[in-house]
N, C-alpha and C. Protein backbone atom coordinates (compact mmCIF):
# COMPACT_ATOMS: atom_id res chain seq x y z
N UNK A 1 -68.48 37.41 -12.01
CA UNK A 1 -67.93 36.32 -10.95
C UNK A 1 -68.96 36.08 -10.11
N UNK A 2 -69.71 34.99 -9.89
CA UNK A 2 -70.45 34.60 -9.02
C UNK A 2 -70.39 35.29 -7.56
N UNK A 3 -71.64 35.79 -6.91
CA UNK A 3 -71.46 36.13 -5.97
C UNK A 3 -70.91 35.18 -4.62
N UNK A 4 -71.13 33.95 -4.83
CA UNK A 4 -70.56 33.12 -3.66
C UNK A 4 -69.35 32.84 -3.86
N UNK A 5 -68.67 32.87 -4.96
CA UNK A 5 -67.42 32.63 -5.27
C UNK A 5 -66.72 33.93 -5.00
N UNK A 6 -66.95 35.02 -5.11
CA UNK A 6 -66.41 36.59 -4.73
C UNK A 6 -66.07 36.26 -3.28
N UNK A 7 -67.56 36.28 -2.21
CA UNK A 7 -67.44 35.90 -1.05
C UNK A 7 -66.68 34.94 -0.42
N UNK A 8 -66.45 33.71 -1.02
CA UNK A 8 -65.65 32.77 -0.66
C UNK A 8 -63.80 33.44 -0.81
N UNK A 9 -63.70 34.08 -1.89
CA UNK A 9 -62.41 34.73 -1.88
C UNK A 9 -62.00 35.84 -1.16
N UNK A 10 -63.17 36.42 -1.00
CA UNK A 10 -62.81 37.51 0.06
C UNK A 10 -62.54 37.10 1.22
N UNK A 11 -63.39 36.09 1.94
CA UNK A 11 -63.35 35.69 3.21
C UNK A 11 -61.97 34.95 3.20
N UNK A 12 -61.74 34.28 2.37
CA UNK A 12 -60.66 33.43 2.43
C UNK A 12 -59.18 34.21 2.58
N UNK A 13 -59.27 35.48 1.69
CA UNK A 13 -57.85 36.29 1.72
C UNK A 13 -58.10 37.20 2.86
N UNK A 14 -59.35 37.53 3.61
CA UNK A 14 -59.03 38.26 4.75
C UNK A 14 -58.82 37.31 6.13
N UNK A 15 -58.84 35.98 5.96
CA UNK A 15 -58.90 34.91 6.78
C UNK A 15 -57.25 34.63 6.90
N UNK A 16 -56.75 34.60 5.90
CA UNK A 16 -55.11 34.23 5.45
C UNK A 16 -54.70 35.68 6.18
N UNK A 17 -54.82 36.58 5.67
CA UNK A 17 -53.98 37.79 6.04
C UNK A 17 -54.21 38.22 7.65
N UNK A 18 -55.47 37.95 8.14
CA UNK A 18 -55.75 38.09 9.46
C UNK A 18 -54.91 37.09 10.38
N UNK A 19 -55.08 35.93 10.07
CA UNK A 19 -54.14 34.85 10.47
C UNK A 19 -52.73 34.86 10.71
N UNK A 20 -52.12 35.62 9.29
CA UNK A 20 -50.57 35.73 9.22
C UNK A 20 -50.37 36.94 10.26
N UNK A 21 -51.06 37.96 10.35
CA UNK A 21 -50.90 39.15 11.28
C UNK A 21 -50.95 38.57 12.91
N UNK A 22 -51.80 37.84 12.78
CA UNK A 22 -51.99 37.09 14.36
C UNK A 22 -50.85 36.55 14.88
N UNK A 23 -50.64 35.52 13.62
CA UNK A 23 -49.46 34.79 14.38
C UNK A 23 -48.32 35.29 14.47
N UNK A 24 -47.94 36.62 13.59
CA UNK A 24 -46.51 37.10 13.89
C UNK A 24 -46.87 37.93 15.05
N UNK A 25 -48.19 38.58 15.48
CA UNK A 25 -48.12 39.53 16.67
C UNK A 25 -48.23 38.79 17.87
N UNK A 26 -48.76 37.55 17.99
CA UNK A 26 -48.82 37.08 19.13
C UNK A 26 -48.05 35.57 19.32
N UNK A 27 -47.10 35.21 19.88
CA UNK A 27 -46.22 34.13 20.15
C UNK A 27 -46.66 33.21 20.67
N UNK A 28 -47.38 33.16 21.85
CA UNK A 28 -48.07 32.02 22.44
C UNK A 28 -49.60 32.24 22.81
N UNK A 29 -50.20 32.06 21.57
CA UNK A 29 -51.88 32.26 21.69
C UNK A 29 -52.61 31.50 22.66
N UNK A 30 -53.61 31.95 23.41
CA UNK A 30 -54.29 31.19 24.35
C UNK A 30 -55.14 30.10 23.36
N UNK A 31 -55.54 30.33 21.97
CA UNK A 31 -56.23 29.59 21.31
C UNK A 31 -55.70 29.26 20.02
N UNK A 32 -56.20 27.88 19.58
CA UNK A 32 -55.59 27.34 18.35
C UNK A 32 -55.92 28.38 17.23
N UNK A 33 -54.73 28.81 16.62
CA UNK A 33 -55.12 30.18 15.84
C UNK A 33 -55.92 29.36 14.50
N UNK A 34 -55.63 28.14 14.03
CA UNK A 34 -55.98 27.73 13.08
C UNK A 34 -57.47 27.24 13.05
N UNK A 35 -57.65 26.69 14.24
CA UNK A 35 -59.10 26.36 14.64
C UNK A 35 -59.99 27.70 14.42
N UNK A 36 -59.25 28.59 15.00
CA UNK A 36 -60.33 29.86 15.33
C UNK A 36 -60.65 30.65 14.02
N UNK A 37 -59.45 30.65 13.29
CA UNK A 37 -59.68 31.22 11.91
C UNK A 37 -60.55 30.64 10.95
N UNK A 38 -60.49 29.22 11.25
CA UNK A 38 -61.18 28.40 10.56
C UNK A 38 -62.36 28.50 10.46
N UNK A 39 -62.97 28.39 11.73
CA UNK A 39 -64.44 28.77 12.34
C UNK A 39 -65.11 29.94 11.91
N UNK A 40 -64.28 31.03 12.01
CA UNK A 40 -64.84 32.36 11.63
C UNK A 40 -64.68 32.38 10.35
N UNK A 41 -63.93 31.90 9.18
CA UNK A 41 -64.33 32.18 8.06
C UNK A 41 -65.20 31.26 7.45
N UNK A 42 -65.19 29.65 8.05
CA UNK A 42 -66.44 29.26 7.58
C UNK A 42 -67.86 29.77 7.90
N UNK A 43 -68.02 30.22 9.01
CA UNK A 43 -69.25 30.47 10.01
C UNK A 43 -69.42 31.90 9.06
N UNK A 44 -68.63 32.87 8.82
CA UNK A 44 -68.86 33.99 7.87
C UNK A 44 -69.32 33.73 6.83
N UNK A 45 -68.83 32.76 5.85
CA UNK A 45 -69.07 32.30 4.55
C UNK A 45 -70.45 31.72 4.68
N UNK A 46 -71.00 30.94 5.59
CA UNK A 46 -72.16 30.32 5.67
C UNK A 46 -73.06 31.35 5.80
N UNK A 47 -72.90 32.18 6.68
CA UNK A 47 -74.04 33.36 7.28
C UNK A 47 -74.02 34.38 6.05
N UNK A 48 -73.07 34.82 5.50
CA UNK A 48 -73.23 35.69 4.32
C UNK A 48 -74.09 34.95 3.13
N UNK A 49 -73.59 33.69 2.96
CA UNK A 49 -74.45 32.98 1.79
C UNK A 49 -76.04 33.10 2.09
N UNK A 50 -76.08 32.63 3.27
CA UNK A 50 -77.63 32.53 4.00
C UNK A 50 -78.31 33.76 3.79
N UNK A 51 -77.68 34.78 4.25
CA UNK A 51 -78.34 35.78 4.23
C UNK A 51 -78.49 36.55 2.89
N UNK A 52 -77.42 36.11 1.94
CA UNK A 52 -77.94 36.74 0.43
C UNK A 52 -79.02 35.78 -0.15
N UNK A 53 -78.94 34.69 0.19
CA UNK A 53 -80.23 33.88 -0.44
C UNK A 53 -81.46 34.51 0.31
N UNK A 54 -81.67 34.86 1.58
CA UNK A 54 -82.80 35.44 2.19
C UNK A 54 -82.97 36.57 1.57
N UNK A 55 -82.02 37.37 1.23
CA UNK A 55 -82.13 38.87 0.59
C UNK A 55 -82.93 38.87 -0.72
N UNK A 56 -82.89 37.94 -1.30
CA UNK A 56 -83.59 37.29 -2.56
C UNK A 56 -84.98 37.15 -2.24
N UNK A 57 -85.19 36.57 -1.15
CA UNK A 57 -86.55 36.05 -0.77
C UNK A 57 -87.17 37.16 -0.13
N UNK A 58 -86.74 37.54 1.14
CA UNK A 58 -87.27 38.54 1.78
C UNK A 58 -86.45 39.53 2.19
N UNK A 59 -86.28 40.40 1.62
CA UNK A 59 -85.25 41.61 1.71
C UNK A 59 -85.37 42.35 3.06
N UNK A 60 -86.88 42.54 3.33
CA UNK A 60 -87.21 43.36 4.36
C UNK A 60 -86.90 42.39 5.99
N UNK A 61 -86.67 41.41 5.69
CA UNK A 61 -86.40 40.66 7.08
C UNK A 61 -84.73 40.23 7.30
N UNK A 62 -84.05 40.99 6.42
CA UNK A 62 -82.59 40.40 6.57
C UNK A 62 -81.98 41.11 7.94
N UNK A 63 -82.42 42.14 8.58
CA UNK A 63 -81.85 42.85 9.70
C UNK A 63 -82.11 41.23 10.70
N UNK A 64 -83.28 40.95 10.89
CA UNK A 64 -83.51 39.90 11.71
C UNK A 64 -82.52 38.59 11.39
N UNK A 65 -82.43 38.34 10.31
CA UNK A 65 -81.72 37.01 10.01
C UNK A 65 -80.14 37.15 10.30
N UNK A 66 -79.58 38.78 10.26
CA UNK A 66 -78.31 39.04 10.56
C UNK A 66 -78.25 38.83 12.16
N UNK A 67 -79.14 39.02 12.84
CA UNK A 67 -79.15 38.86 14.62
C UNK A 67 -78.85 37.44 14.77
N UNK A 68 -80.11 36.75 14.20
CA UNK A 68 -80.07 35.24 14.47
C UNK A 68 -78.53 34.76 13.99
N UNK A 69 -78.01 35.02 12.93
CA UNK A 69 -76.98 34.36 12.66
C UNK A 69 -75.67 34.83 13.76
N UNK A 70 -75.57 36.15 14.13
CA UNK A 70 -74.53 36.42 15.03
C UNK A 70 -74.84 35.69 16.21
N UNK A 71 -76.21 35.54 16.88
CA UNK A 71 -76.01 34.65 17.95
C UNK A 71 -75.94 33.28 18.07
N UNK A 72 -76.15 32.83 16.79
CA UNK A 72 -75.90 31.23 16.52
C UNK A 72 -74.21 31.43 16.67
N UNK A 73 -73.76 32.15 15.82
CA UNK A 73 -72.16 31.90 15.62
C UNK A 73 -71.75 32.13 17.06
N UNK A 74 -72.12 33.32 17.76
CA UNK A 74 -71.24 33.17 19.20
C UNK A 74 -71.52 32.11 19.82
N UNK A 75 -72.50 31.65 19.77
CA UNK A 75 -72.98 30.30 20.69
C UNK A 75 -72.14 29.19 20.15
N UNK A 76 -72.08 29.06 19.07
CA UNK A 76 -71.12 28.23 18.64
C UNK A 76 -69.51 28.22 18.96
N UNK A 77 -69.38 29.58 18.82
CA UNK A 77 -67.83 29.76 19.27
C UNK A 77 -67.80 29.43 20.74
N UNK A 78 -68.86 29.72 21.61
CA UNK A 78 -68.60 29.42 23.01
C UNK A 78 -68.24 27.83 23.17
N UNK A 79 -69.17 27.24 22.36
CA UNK A 79 -68.87 25.53 22.45
C UNK A 79 -67.58 25.02 21.94
N UNK A 80 -66.88 25.59 20.91
CA UNK A 80 -65.63 25.28 20.41
C UNK A 80 -64.62 25.83 21.19
N UNK A 81 -64.74 26.78 21.69
CA UNK A 81 -63.74 27.46 22.57
C UNK A 81 -64.05 27.79 24.05
N UNK A 82 -64.18 26.52 24.79
CA UNK A 82 -64.86 26.42 26.04
C UNK A 82 -64.23 27.26 27.07
N UNK A 83 -62.42 27.48 26.75
CA UNK A 83 -62.07 28.19 27.70
C UNK A 83 -62.28 29.45 27.78
N UNK A 84 -63.07 29.97 26.87
CA UNK A 84 -63.70 31.64 26.93
C UNK A 84 -64.68 31.44 28.30
N UNK A 85 -65.34 30.34 28.75
CA UNK A 85 -66.28 30.52 29.86
C UNK A 85 -65.45 29.71 31.16
N UNK A 86 -64.49 29.24 30.55
CA UNK A 86 -63.92 28.24 32.14
C UNK A 86 -62.96 29.44 33.25
N UNK A 87 -63.15 28.95 34.41
CA UNK A 87 -62.31 29.76 35.49
C UNK A 87 -60.96 29.15 35.61
N UNK A 88 -60.69 27.99 35.08
CA UNK A 88 -59.22 27.55 35.44
C UNK A 88 -58.62 27.19 34.07
N UNK A 89 -57.62 27.68 33.72
CA UNK A 89 -56.82 28.84 34.11
C UNK A 89 -57.82 29.87 33.37
N UNK A 90 -57.88 31.22 34.29
CA UNK A 90 -58.62 32.27 33.74
C UNK A 90 -57.72 32.97 32.90
N UNK A 91 -58.45 33.41 31.49
CA UNK A 91 -57.84 34.08 30.81
C UNK A 91 -57.38 35.46 31.09
N UNK A 92 -56.31 36.10 30.39
CA UNK A 92 -55.86 37.33 30.89
C UNK A 92 -56.73 38.42 29.70
N UNK A 93 -56.60 39.62 29.84
CA UNK A 93 -57.55 40.37 28.81
C UNK A 93 -56.66 40.46 27.53
N UNK A 94 -55.30 40.23 27.38
CA UNK A 94 -55.03 40.20 25.97
C UNK A 94 -55.30 38.67 25.45
N UNK A 95 -55.53 37.88 26.27
CA UNK A 95 -55.78 36.50 25.72
C UNK A 95 -57.37 36.55 25.30
N UNK A 96 -58.10 37.24 25.72
CA UNK A 96 -59.54 37.31 25.58
C UNK A 96 -59.57 38.35 24.29
N UNK A 97 -58.95 39.30 24.21
CA UNK A 97 -58.73 40.00 23.29
C UNK A 97 -58.22 39.44 21.91
N UNK A 98 -57.37 38.41 21.91
CA UNK A 98 -57.07 37.68 20.72
C UNK A 98 -58.10 36.77 20.04
N UNK A 99 -59.26 36.60 20.96
CA UNK A 99 -60.22 35.81 20.47
C UNK A 99 -61.51 37.02 19.88
N UNK A 100 -61.59 38.21 20.50
CA UNK A 100 -62.75 38.94 20.28
C UNK A 100 -62.24 39.87 19.19
N UNK A 101 -61.07 40.23 18.99
CA UNK A 101 -60.81 41.26 17.77
C UNK A 101 -61.05 40.26 16.48
N UNK A 102 -60.18 39.16 16.15
CA UNK A 102 -60.66 38.49 14.88
C UNK A 102 -62.14 38.33 14.73
N UNK A 103 -62.87 38.07 16.06
CA UNK A 103 -64.43 37.72 15.95
C UNK A 103 -65.20 38.98 15.29
N UNK A 104 -64.69 40.14 16.05
CA UNK A 104 -65.35 41.28 15.47
C UNK A 104 -65.05 42.13 13.94
N UNK A 105 -63.85 41.47 13.62
CA UNK A 105 -63.30 41.64 12.14
C UNK A 105 -64.32 40.90 11.35
N UNK A 106 -64.55 39.64 11.65
CA UNK A 106 -65.32 38.86 10.86
C UNK A 106 -66.79 39.37 10.61
N UNK A 107 -67.09 39.75 11.96
CA UNK A 107 -68.56 40.16 12.11
C UNK A 107 -68.69 41.62 11.45
N UNK A 108 -67.66 42.70 11.34
CA UNK A 108 -68.05 43.73 10.83
C UNK A 108 -68.02 43.42 9.18
N UNK A 109 -67.49 42.52 8.60
CA UNK A 109 -67.58 42.22 7.20
C UNK A 109 -69.22 41.95 7.09
N UNK A 110 -69.79 40.95 7.88
CA UNK A 110 -71.08 40.71 7.70
C UNK A 110 -71.99 41.99 7.75
N UNK A 111 -71.43 42.67 8.73
CA UNK A 111 -72.44 44.17 8.88
C UNK A 111 -72.53 44.76 7.91
N UNK A 112 -71.13 45.12 7.24
CA UNK A 112 -71.19 46.02 6.15
C UNK A 112 -71.77 45.44 4.93
N UNK A 113 -71.85 43.80 4.80
CA UNK A 113 -72.53 43.46 3.52
C UNK A 113 -74.00 43.85 3.77
N UNK A 114 -74.42 43.26 4.73
CA UNK A 114 -76.26 43.81 5.29
C UNK A 114 -76.40 44.94 5.13
N UNK A 115 -75.62 45.79 5.72
CA UNK A 115 -75.85 47.48 5.47
C UNK A 115 -75.97 47.73 4.02
N UNK A 116 -74.95 47.17 3.45
CA UNK A 116 -75.31 47.70 2.05
C UNK A 116 -76.38 47.35 1.16
N UNK A 117 -76.62 45.68 1.54
CA UNK A 117 -77.87 45.29 0.95
C UNK A 117 -78.94 45.95 1.45
N UNK A 118 -79.08 46.36 2.62
CA UNK A 118 -80.28 47.21 3.17
C UNK A 118 -80.63 48.57 2.72
N UNK A 119 -79.42 49.30 2.42
CA UNK A 119 -79.53 50.37 1.84
C UNK A 119 -79.97 50.37 0.36
N UNK A 120 -79.44 49.10 -0.23
CA UNK A 120 -79.92 49.06 -1.63
C UNK A 120 -81.34 48.71 -1.82
N UNK A 121 -82.34 48.58 -0.92
CA UNK A 121 -83.31 47.92 -0.84
C UNK A 121 -84.53 48.89 -0.76
N UNK A 122 -85.34 49.09 -1.84
CA UNK A 122 -86.05 50.23 -1.75
C UNK A 122 -87.21 50.17 -0.67
N UNK A 123 -87.71 51.32 0.07
CA UNK A 123 -88.71 50.77 1.08
C UNK A 123 -89.98 50.95 0.39
N UNK A 124 -90.90 50.32 1.10
CA UNK A 124 -91.95 50.27 0.54
C UNK A 124 -93.07 51.47 1.15
N UNK A 125 -93.93 51.69 0.35
CA UNK A 125 -94.83 52.82 0.68
C UNK A 125 -95.73 52.34 1.74
N UNK A 126 -96.38 53.12 2.91
CA UNK A 126 -97.09 52.49 3.82
C UNK A 126 -98.38 52.37 3.07
N UNK A 127 -99.09 51.52 3.53
CA UNK A 127 -100.40 51.04 3.29
C UNK A 127 -101.62 51.33 3.99
N UNK A 128 -102.23 52.15 3.04
CA UNK A 128 -103.40 53.07 3.84
C UNK A 128 -104.72 52.01 4.08
């Protein structure tokens, strides 16, 4: 099976499962859960696919690409979910965690993939 199709199926399954658990666990979420999980799923899929493409081109720069995608994804999240920054009404710790836990779950998937790819990359011998 093609990598991109595998990544899509994995991220879609993870999104649906996490969404179901989150919907069941939290009765009145502070965030629109469909918007949250749609954003996280699409952003994770795009970043994983971009990093896979870059891995074929420049495998030694994959860590930098990962850092860039993390910062871009968090910046877009702050734009799409402005209540994270607003003071009125202030969010409780539980409401903030209802955003951060899914965010870090999706981030962990990206990190595990990058770590696997980096571990598979042979190190170059130092040039004298």
